């Protein structure tokens, strides 16, 4: 179980980190999906990019302090539930909606494995 936790968490760190930094630097492929969902471009830096990046840093710290990793994974799950809800409200089925669903599943798996690996949390 511990190996699965480490592998899934490292994949989540890579994916969320890329997603967060992409939002922070206003990576061009991200912009059309955000516009289609009705998200103001000014939100790419804060709150979107900042929250994703801080969640990623929380997952990194969580490798040593599991309670922080648990909180970060839970926060990222909530973030991506809200992201998917935003896309659904806008009737947007762009690639960002697909990416949000994959990241929601990945962060949910990270949250579940964190709880399974550290049962005293």
Protein backbone atom coordinates (compact mmCIF):
# COMPACT_ATOMS: atom_id res chain seq x y z
CA UNK A 1 0.00 0.00 0.00
CA UNK A 2 2.84 2.38 0.81
CA UNK A 3 4.34 2.00 -2.67
CA UNK A 4 1.01 2.84 -4.32
CA UNK A 5 0.70 5.89 -2.05
CA UNK A 6 4.18 7.12 -3.03
CA UNK A 7 3.68 6.52 -6.76
CA UNK A 8 0.22 8.10 -6.94
CA UNK A 9 1.31 11.06 -4.81
CA UNK A 10 4.37 11.68 -7.01
CA UNK A 11 2.20 11.57 -10.15
CA UNK A 12 -0.26 13.97 -8.47
CA UNK A 13 2.61 16.30 -7.57
CA UNK A 14 3.82 16.34 -11.19
CA UNK A 15 0.37 16.86 -12.72
CA UNK A 16 -0.89 19.44 -10.22
CA UNK A 17 2.44 21.25 -10.34
CA UNK A 18 2.32 21.51 -14.12
CA UNK A 19 -1.31 22.64 -13.99
CA UNK A 20 -0.61 25.24 -11.31
CA UNK A 21 2.46 26.70 -12.97
CA UNK A 22 0.66 26.73 -16.34
CA UNK A 23 -2.05 28.87 -14.80
CA UNK A 24 0.45 31.16 -13.06
CA UNK A 25 2.36 31.88 -16.28
CA UNK A 26 -0.83 32.08 -18.39
CA UNK A 27 0.28 29.21 -20.63
CA UNK A 28 -1.47 29.84 -23.98
CA UNK A 29 -3.25 26.45 -24.34
CA UNK A 30 -5.00 26.99 -20.98
CA UNK A 31 -6.64 30.28 -21.94
CA UNK A 32 -9.34 29.10 -24.42
CA UNK A 33 -10.74 26.55 -21.96
CA UNK A 34 -10.87 29.12 -19.19
CA UNK A 35 -12.63 31.60 -21.44
CA UNK A 36 -15.11 28.91 -22.54
CA UNK A 37 -15.93 28.25 -18.88
CA UNK A 38 -16.42 31.96 -18.23
CA UNK A 39 -13.43 32.24 -15.92
CA UNK A 40 -11.84 35.71 -15.94
CA UNK A 41 -8.21 35.60 -17.06
CA UNK A 42 -7.27 37.66 -14.02
CA UNK A 43 -8.17 34.60 -11.91
CA UNK A 44 -5.42 32.50 -13.50
CA UNK A 45 -2.78 33.93 -11.18
CA UNK A 46 -4.93 34.13 -8.06
CA UNK A 47 -6.82 32.11 -7.02
CA UNK A 48 -6.44 29.33 -9.61
CA UNK A 49 -2.67 29.08 -10.16
CA UNK A 50 -1.82 29.96 -6.58
CA UNK A 51 -4.16 27.36 -5.05
CA UNK A 52 -3.02 24.58 -7.38
CA UNK A 53 0.64 25.37 -6.71
CA UNK A 54 0.17 25.58 -2.95
CA UNK A 55 -1.75 22.30 -3.04
CA UNK A 56 1.16 20.75 -4.89
CA UNK A 57 3.61 22.04 -2.29
CA UNK A 58 1.35 20.58 0.40
CA UNK A 59 1.53 17.18 -1.28
CA UNK A 60 5.33 17.43 -1.33
CA UNK A 61 5.48 18.31 2.37
CA UNK A 62 2.92 15.56 3.00
CA UNK A 63 5.47 12.95 2.03
CA UNK A 64 7.14 13.75 5.38
CA UNK A 65 4.21 15.18 7.35
CA UNK A 66 1.15 13.13 6.36
CA UNK A 67 -1.42 15.45 7.96
CA UNK A 68 -0.35 18.26 5.61
CA UNK A 69 -0.52 15.93 2.62
CA UNK A 70 -4.00 14.87 3.67
CA UNK A 71 -5.14 18.50 3.91
CA UNK A 72 -3.54 19.34 0.55
CA UNK A 73 -5.16 16.36 -1.18
CA UNK A 74 -8.55 17.24 0.31
CA UNK A 75 -8.14 20.85 -0.78
CA UNK A 76 -7.23 19.80 -4.31
CA UNK A 77 -10.24 17.47 -4.48
CA UNK A 78 -12.51 20.36 -3.46
CA UNK A 79 -10.78 22.66 -5.97
CA UNK A 80 -11.35 20.27 -8.87
CA UNK A 81 -14.96 19.53 -7.88
CA UNK A 82 -15.51 23.29 -8.12
CA UNK A 83 -13.61 23.46 -11.41
CA UNK A 84 -15.77 20.75 -12.94
CA UNK A 85 -18.91 22.42 -11.61
CA UNK A 86 -17.83 25.68 -13.26
CA UNK A 87 -17.33 23.93 -16.60
CA UNK A 88 -20.69 22.14 -16.33
CA UNK A 89 -22.51 25.40 -15.52
CA UNK A 90 -20.96 26.99 -18.61
CA UNK A 91 -21.86 23.95 -20.75
CA UNK A 92 -18.16 23.69 -21.57
CA UNK A 93 -16.78 20.31 -22.53
CA UNK A 94 -13.36 21.59 -23.60
CA UNK A 95 -10.14 19.65 -22.94
CA UNK A 96 -9.85 21.53 -19.62
CA UNK A 97 -13.02 19.76 -18.45
CA UNK A 98 -11.39 16.42 -19.26
CA UNK A 99 -8.20 17.47 -17.50
CA UNK A 100 -10.16 18.60 -14.44
CA UNK A 101 -11.88 15.19 -14.27
CA UNK A 102 -8.55 13.36 -14.50
CA UNK A 103 -7.02 15.59 -11.81
CA UNK A 104 -10.09 15.11 -9.62
CA UNK A 105 -9.70 11.33 -9.89
CA UNK A 106 -5.95 11.53 -9.27
CA UNK A 107 -6.32 13.76 -6.21
CA UNK A 108 -9.14 11.57 -4.89
CA UNK A 109 -6.85 8.55 -5.20
CA UNK A 110 -4.10 10.47 -3.41
CA UNK A 111 -6.50 11.39 -0.60
CA UNK A 112 -7.72 7.79 -0.29
CA UNK A 113 -4.22 6.32 -0.30
CA UNK A 114 -3.03 8.88 2.26
CA UNK A 115 -5.82 7.81 4.59
CA UNK A 116 -5.18 4.12 3.94
CA UNK A 117 -1.43 4.39 4.46
CA UNK A 118 -1.62 6.57 7.58
CA UNK A 119 -4.65 5.23 9.49
CA UNK A 120 -3.98 7.29 12.63
CA UNK A 121 -4.81 10.54 10.81
